[in-house]
């Protein structure tokens, strides 16, 4: 097996291991969904959330809480898979951005928020 298919399989295994593990715990899911639909929160390529504009302090607190939960899960996945944390986050970020509904915000490669 060449290095390229091996890397593809490793990435696939990692993404399956994540299994959208970045989903927020119960209770935060509704608040996150509402804030994303209102354009206050967007997905970043590193698998974390970011504030779009200057949201209220409660929205910033929600972002911090969910990002902390996501980082715990990303570190666990990195440990299980033997992949670097940054790679785990990049795979998760890609999956989360792909799953973001049309009209919600994502951070592009240039560091600008754009509606999907």
N, C-alpha and C. Protein backbone atom coordinates (compact mmCIF):
# COMPACT_ATOMS: atom_id res chain seq x y z
N UNK A 1 0.86 -1.18 0.00
CA UNK A 1 0.00 0.00 0.00
C UNK A 1 0.89 1.23 0.00
N UNK A 2 0.58 2.18 -0.83
CA UNK A 2 1.38 3.40 -0.91
C UNK A 2 1.01 4.34 0.23
N UNK A 3 1.82 5.37 0.41
CA UNK A 3 1.58 6.32 1.50
C UNK A 3 0.27 7.07 1.32
N UNK A 4 -0.07 7.38 0.09
CA UNK A 4 -1.28 8.18 -0.13
C UNK A 4 -2.55 7.43 0.30
N UNK A 5 -2.80 6.19 -0.17
CA UNK A 5 -3.99 5.49 0.32
C UNK A 5 -3.95 5.27 1.83
N UNK A 6 -2.75 5.04 2.37
CA UNK A 6 -2.63 4.86 3.81
C UNK A 6 -3.09 6.11 4.55
N UNK A 7 -2.67 7.27 4.05
CA UNK A 7 -3.09 8.53 4.68
C UNK A 7 -4.59 8.73 4.54
N UNK A 8 -5.14 8.39 3.38
CA UNK A 8 -6.58 8.51 3.16
C UNK A 8 -7.34 7.61 4.14
N UNK A 9 -6.87 6.38 4.31
CA UNK A 9 -7.52 5.47 5.25
C UNK A 9 -7.41 5.99 6.68
N UNK A 10 -6.26 6.54 7.03
CA UNK A 10 -6.08 7.09 8.37
C UNK A 10 -7.02 8.26 8.60
N UNK A 11 -7.15 9.11 7.60
CA UNK A 11 -8.05 10.26 7.71
C UNK A 11 -9.50 9.80 7.82
N UNK A 12 -9.87 8.81 7.02
CA UNK A 12 -11.22 8.27 7.08
C UNK A 12 -11.50 7.66 8.44
N UNK A 13 -10.55 6.88 8.95
CA UNK A 13 -10.72 6.27 10.26
C UNK A 13 -10.86 7.34 11.34
N UNK A 14 -10.05 8.39 11.21
CA UNK A 14 -10.11 9.47 12.17
C UNK A 14 -11.46 10.17 12.13
N UNK A 15 -11.95 10.44 10.92
CA UNK A 15 -13.23 11.13 10.82
C UNK A 15 -14.36 10.26 11.37
N UNK A 16 -14.26 8.95 11.17
CA UNK A 16 -15.27 8.06 11.74
C UNK A 16 -15.16 8.02 13.26
N UNK A 17 -13.93 8.07 13.76
CA UNK A 17 -13.72 8.08 15.21
C UNK A 17 -14.33 9.34 15.83
N UNK A 18 -14.21 10.44 15.11
CA UNK A 18 -14.79 11.68 15.61
C UNK A 18 -16.31 11.57 15.62
N UNK A 19 -16.85 11.00 14.55
CA UNK A 19 -18.28 10.78 14.47
C UNK A 19 -19.11 11.97 14.89
N UNK A 20 -18.66 13.15 14.47
CA UNK A 20 -19.32 14.38 14.90
C UNK A 20 -19.36 14.47 16.41
N UNK A 21 -18.28 13.97 17.04
CA UNK A 21 -18.16 14.07 18.49
C UNK A 21 -18.18 15.51 18.95
N UNK A 22 -18.11 16.42 18.02
CA UNK A 22 -18.10 17.83 18.38
C UNK A 22 -19.49 18.38 18.67
N UNK A 23 -20.50 17.54 18.61
CA UNK A 23 -21.85 18.00 18.88
C UNK A 23 -21.95 18.44 20.35
N UNK A 24 -22.64 19.51 20.63
CA UNK A 24 -22.76 19.99 22.01
C UNK A 24 -23.64 19.08 22.84
N UNK A 25 -23.46 19.14 24.15
CA UNK A 25 -24.28 18.35 25.06
C UNK A 25 -25.70 18.91 25.04
N UNK A 26 -26.62 18.11 25.56
CA UNK A 26 -28.02 18.51 25.60
C UNK A 26 -28.16 19.86 26.28
N UNK A 27 -29.07 20.66 25.80
CA UNK A 27 -29.30 21.99 26.36
C UNK A 27 -28.55 23.05 25.58
N UNK A 28 -27.28 22.80 25.30
CA UNK A 28 -26.49 23.76 24.54
C UNK A 28 -26.83 23.65 23.05
N UNK A 29 -27.34 22.51 22.63
CA UNK A 29 -27.64 22.29 21.21
C UNK A 29 -28.68 23.30 20.71
N UNK A 30 -29.73 23.52 21.47
CA UNK A 30 -30.76 24.47 21.04
C UNK A 30 -30.22 25.90 21.00
N UNK A 31 -29.45 26.28 22.01
CA UNK A 31 -28.88 27.62 22.05
C UNK A 31 -27.91 27.81 20.89
N UNK A 32 -27.11 26.78 20.60
CA UNK A 32 -26.16 26.87 19.50
C UNK A 32 -26.90 26.99 18.17
N UNK A 33 -27.90 26.17 17.97
CA UNK A 33 -28.67 26.19 16.73
C UNK A 33 -29.31 27.57 16.52
N UNK A 34 -29.85 28.14 17.57
CA UNK A 34 -30.48 29.45 17.49
C UNK A 34 -29.46 30.53 17.15
N UNK A 35 -28.30 30.50 17.82
CA UNK A 35 -27.27 31.51 17.59
C UNK A 35 -26.67 31.39 16.19
N UNK A 36 -26.51 30.15 15.71
CA UNK A 36 -25.98 29.97 14.35
C UNK A 36 -26.99 30.47 13.32
N UNK A 37 -28.26 30.16 13.53
CA UNK A 37 -29.30 30.61 12.60
C UNK A 37 -29.42 32.13 12.59
N UNK A 38 -29.12 32.76 13.72
CA UNK A 38 -29.19 34.22 13.82
C UNK A 38 -27.92 34.89 13.29
N UNK A 39 -26.95 34.09 12.88
CA UNK A 39 -25.72 34.65 12.32
C UNK A 39 -24.75 35.18 13.37
N UNK A 40 -24.86 34.69 14.60
CA UNK A 40 -23.98 35.15 15.68
C UNK A 40 -22.76 34.26 15.86
N UNK A 41 -22.86 33.01 15.41
CA UNK A 41 -21.80 32.02 15.59
C UNK A 41 -21.57 31.32 14.25
N UNK A 42 -20.31 31.02 13.97
CA UNK A 42 -19.98 30.27 12.76
C UNK A 42 -18.96 29.19 13.04
N UNK A 43 -18.83 28.28 12.09
CA UNK A 43 -17.85 27.18 12.19
C UNK A 43 -16.52 27.62 11.60
N UNK A 44 -15.44 27.22 12.26
CA UNK A 44 -14.09 27.53 11.81
C UNK A 44 -13.42 26.27 11.25
N UNK A 45 -12.42 26.42 10.40
CA UNK A 45 -11.72 25.26 9.83
C UNK A 45 -10.98 24.42 10.86
N UNK A 46 -10.74 24.96 12.05
CA UNK A 46 -10.04 24.19 13.09
C UNK A 46 -11.00 23.40 13.97
N UNK A 47 -12.26 23.30 13.55
CA UNK A 47 -13.23 22.50 14.30
C UNK A 47 -13.82 23.21 15.50
N UNK A 48 -13.52 24.48 15.65
CA UNK A 48 -14.06 25.25 16.76
C UNK A 48 -15.06 26.27 16.24
N UNK A 49 -15.81 26.85 17.16
CA UNK A 49 -16.77 27.89 16.82
C UNK A 49 -16.12 29.25 16.98
N UNK A 50 -16.66 30.22 16.28
CA UNK A 50 -16.19 31.58 16.43
C UNK A 50 -17.35 32.55 16.42
N UNK A 51 -17.17 33.71 17.08
CA UNK A 51 -18.23 34.72 17.05
C UNK A 51 -18.21 35.45 15.72
N UNK A 52 -19.37 35.67 15.17
CA UNK A 52 -19.50 36.46 13.94
C UNK A 52 -19.96 37.84 14.41
N UNK A 53 -19.12 38.83 14.19
CA UNK A 53 -19.44 40.17 14.68
C UNK A 53 -19.17 40.26 16.17
N UNK A 54 -20.05 40.96 16.87
CA UNK A 54 -19.89 41.18 18.31
C UNK A 54 -21.15 40.69 19.03
N UNK A 55 -21.25 39.38 19.25
CA UNK A 55 -22.45 38.86 19.90
C UNK A 55 -22.49 39.20 21.39
N UNK A 56 -23.61 38.98 21.99
CA UNK A 56 -23.82 39.22 23.42
C UNK A 56 -22.89 38.33 24.24
N UNK A 57 -22.61 38.75 25.48
CA UNK A 57 -21.75 37.95 26.36
C UNK A 57 -22.23 36.50 26.53
N UNK A 58 -23.53 36.30 26.56
CA UNK A 58 -24.06 34.93 26.70
C UNK A 58 -23.67 34.07 25.50
N UNK A 59 -23.65 34.64 24.32
CA UNK A 59 -23.26 33.91 23.12
C UNK A 59 -21.77 33.58 23.18
N UNK A 60 -20.96 34.53 23.62
CA UNK A 60 -19.53 34.27 23.77
C UNK A 60 -19.28 33.17 24.79
N UNK A 61 -20.05 33.16 25.88
CA UNK A 61 -19.90 32.12 26.90
C UNK A 61 -20.28 30.75 26.31
N UNK A 62 -21.31 30.72 25.48
CA UNK A 62 -21.71 29.48 24.83
C UNK A 62 -20.59 28.97 23.92
N UNK A 63 -19.99 29.88 23.16
CA UNK A 63 -18.88 29.51 22.27
C UNK A 63 -17.74 28.90 23.08
N UNK A 64 -17.37 29.56 24.17
CA UNK A 64 -16.27 29.07 25.02
C UNK A 64 -16.58 27.69 25.59
N UNK A 65 -17.81 27.50 26.04
CA UNK A 65 -18.20 26.22 26.64
C UNK A 65 -18.14 25.10 25.61
N UNK A 66 -18.73 25.33 24.44
CA UNK A 66 -18.76 24.28 23.42
C UNK A 66 -17.36 24.02 22.87
N UNK A 67 -16.56 25.07 22.68
CA UNK A 67 -15.19 24.87 22.22
C UNK A 67 -14.39 24.04 23.22
N UNK A 68 -14.59 24.28 24.51
CA UNK A 68 -13.88 23.48 25.53
C UNK A 68 -14.30 22.02 25.43
N UNK A 69 -15.60 21.76 25.23
CA UNK A 69 -16.08 20.39 25.09
C UNK A 69 -15.51 19.74 23.83
N UNK A 70 -15.49 20.50 22.74
CA UNK A 70 -14.94 19.97 21.49
C UNK A 70 -13.47 19.62 21.64
N UNK A 71 -12.70 20.51 22.28
CA UNK A 71 -11.27 20.26 22.44
C UNK A 71 -11.00 18.99 23.25
N UNK A 72 -11.82 18.74 24.27
CA UNK A 72 -11.68 17.49 25.04
C UNK A 72 -11.86 16.30 24.11
N UNK A 73 -12.90 16.35 23.29
CA UNK A 73 -13.17 15.23 22.37
C UNK A 73 -12.10 15.10 21.29
N UNK A 74 -11.60 16.22 20.81
CA UNK A 74 -10.54 16.19 19.80
C UNK A 74 -9.27 15.59 20.38
N UNK A 75 -8.95 15.96 21.62
CA UNK A 75 -7.75 15.40 22.26
C UNK A 75 -7.90 13.89 22.45
N UNK A 76 -9.10 13.46 22.84
CA UNK A 76 -9.35 12.02 22.99
C UNK A 76 -9.18 11.31 21.66
N UNK A 77 -9.73 11.87 20.60
CA UNK A 77 -9.61 11.25 19.27
C UNK A 77 -8.17 11.23 18.81
N UNK A 78 -7.43 12.29 19.09
CA UNK A 78 -6.01 12.33 18.71
C UNK A 78 -5.24 11.24 19.46
N UNK A 79 -5.55 11.08 20.72
CA UNK A 79 -4.88 10.04 21.51
C UNK A 79 -5.19 8.65 21.01
N UNK A 80 -6.45 8.40 20.68
CA UNK A 80 -6.86 7.07 20.17
C UNK A 80 -6.26 6.78 18.81
N UNK A 81 -6.20 7.79 17.98
CA UNK A 81 -5.77 7.57 16.59
C UNK A 81 -4.27 7.73 16.39
N UNK A 82 -3.60 8.37 17.34
CA UNK A 82 -2.17 8.64 17.17
C UNK A 82 -1.89 9.78 16.20
N UNK A 83 -2.91 10.52 15.83
CA UNK A 83 -2.76 11.65 14.91
C UNK A 83 -2.56 12.93 15.71
N UNK A 84 -1.89 13.91 15.14
CA UNK A 84 -1.72 15.20 15.84
C UNK A 84 -3.06 15.89 16.07
N UNK A 85 -3.15 16.62 17.18
CA UNK A 85 -4.37 17.34 17.51
C UNK A 85 -4.80 18.26 16.37
N UNK A 86 -3.87 18.97 15.77
CA UNK A 86 -4.21 19.89 14.68
C UNK A 86 -4.85 19.14 13.51
N UNK A 87 -4.40 17.94 13.24
CA UNK A 87 -4.99 17.16 12.15
C UNK A 87 -6.42 16.73 12.50
N UNK A 88 -6.61 16.31 13.74
CA UNK A 88 -7.95 15.93 14.20
C UNK A 88 -8.89 17.12 14.07
N UNK A 89 -8.42 18.29 14.50
CA UNK A 89 -9.26 19.48 14.41
C UNK A 89 -9.57 19.84 12.96
N UNK A 90 -8.60 19.69 12.08
CA UNK A 90 -8.81 20.02 10.67
C UNK A 90 -9.85 19.08 10.05
N UNK A 91 -9.79 17.80 10.38
CA UNK A 91 -10.78 16.85 9.86
C UNK A 91 -12.16 17.20 10.39
N UNK A 92 -12.23 17.48 11.69
CA UNK A 92 -13.52 17.85 12.29
C UNK A 92 -14.04 19.15 11.68
N UNK A 93 -13.15 20.12 11.51
CA UNK A 93 -13.56 21.40 10.92
C UNK A 93 -14.14 21.23 9.53
N UNK A 94 -13.48 20.40 8.73
CA UNK A 94 -13.98 20.13 7.38
C UNK A 94 -15.37 19.51 7.42
N UNK A 95 -15.55 18.51 8.28
CA UNK A 95 -16.85 17.85 8.39
C UNK A 95 -17.92 18.80 8.89
N UNK A 96 -17.58 19.62 9.89
CA UNK A 96 -18.56 20.56 10.44
C UNK A 96 -18.93 21.64 9.43
N UNK A 97 -17.96 22.13 8.69
CA UNK A 97 -18.25 23.13 7.67
C UNK A 97 -19.09 22.53 6.56
N UNK A 98 -18.77 21.30 6.16
CA UNK A 98 -19.59 20.63 5.13
C UNK A 98 -21.02 20.44 5.60
N UNK A 99 -21.21 20.20 6.90
CA UNK A 99 -22.55 19.96 7.45
C UNK A 99 -23.30 21.25 7.77
N UNK A 100 -22.63 22.38 7.69
CA UNK A 100 -23.28 23.66 7.99
C UNK A 100 -24.34 23.96 6.94
N UNK A 101 -25.55 24.24 7.39
CA UNK A 101 -26.63 24.54 6.44
C UNK A 101 -26.38 25.83 5.65
N UNK A 102 -26.95 25.89 4.48
CA UNK A 102 -26.89 27.09 3.65
C UNK A 102 -27.45 28.27 4.45
N UNK A 103 -26.76 29.40 4.34
CA UNK A 103 -27.20 30.61 5.02
C UNK A 103 -26.50 30.86 6.34
N UNK A 104 -25.84 29.83 6.90
CA UNK A 104 -25.10 30.03 8.14
C UNK A 104 -23.65 30.36 7.82
N UNK A 105 -22.93 30.86 8.82
CA UNK A 105 -21.57 31.35 8.60
C UNK A 105 -20.50 30.29 8.80
N UNK A 106 -19.48 30.39 7.94
CA UNK A 106 -18.26 29.60 8.07
C UNK A 106 -17.08 30.54 7.84
N UNK A 107 -15.96 30.22 8.46
CA UNK A 107 -14.76 31.02 8.29
C UNK A 107 -13.99 30.47 7.10
N UNK A 108 -13.69 31.31 6.11
CA UNK A 108 -12.99 30.83 4.93
C UNK A 108 -11.48 30.81 5.16
N UNK A 109 -10.73 30.32 4.19
CA UNK A 109 -9.28 30.18 4.30
C UNK A 109 -8.58 31.52 4.48
N UNK A 110 -9.21 32.60 4.03
CA UNK A 110 -8.62 33.93 4.18
C UNK A 110 -8.95 34.57 5.53
N UNK A 111 -9.70 33.85 6.37
CA UNK A 111 -10.04 34.38 7.69
C UNK A 111 -11.24 35.30 7.70
N UNK A 112 -12.09 35.19 6.66
CA UNK A 112 -13.30 36.02 6.57
C UNK A 112 -14.55 35.16 6.79
N UNK A 113 -15.49 35.71 7.50
CA UNK A 113 -16.77 35.02 7.66
C UNK A 113 -17.56 35.16 6.39
N UNK A 114 -18.16 34.07 5.95
CA UNK A 114 -19.02 34.12 4.76
C UNK A 114 -20.21 33.20 4.99
N UNK A 115 -21.31 33.60 4.38
CA UNK A 115 -22.50 32.73 4.45
C UNK A 115 -22.30 31.57 3.48
N UNK A 116 -22.64 30.42 3.93
CA UNK A 116 -22.50 29.23 3.10
C UNK A 116 -23.64 29.17 2.10
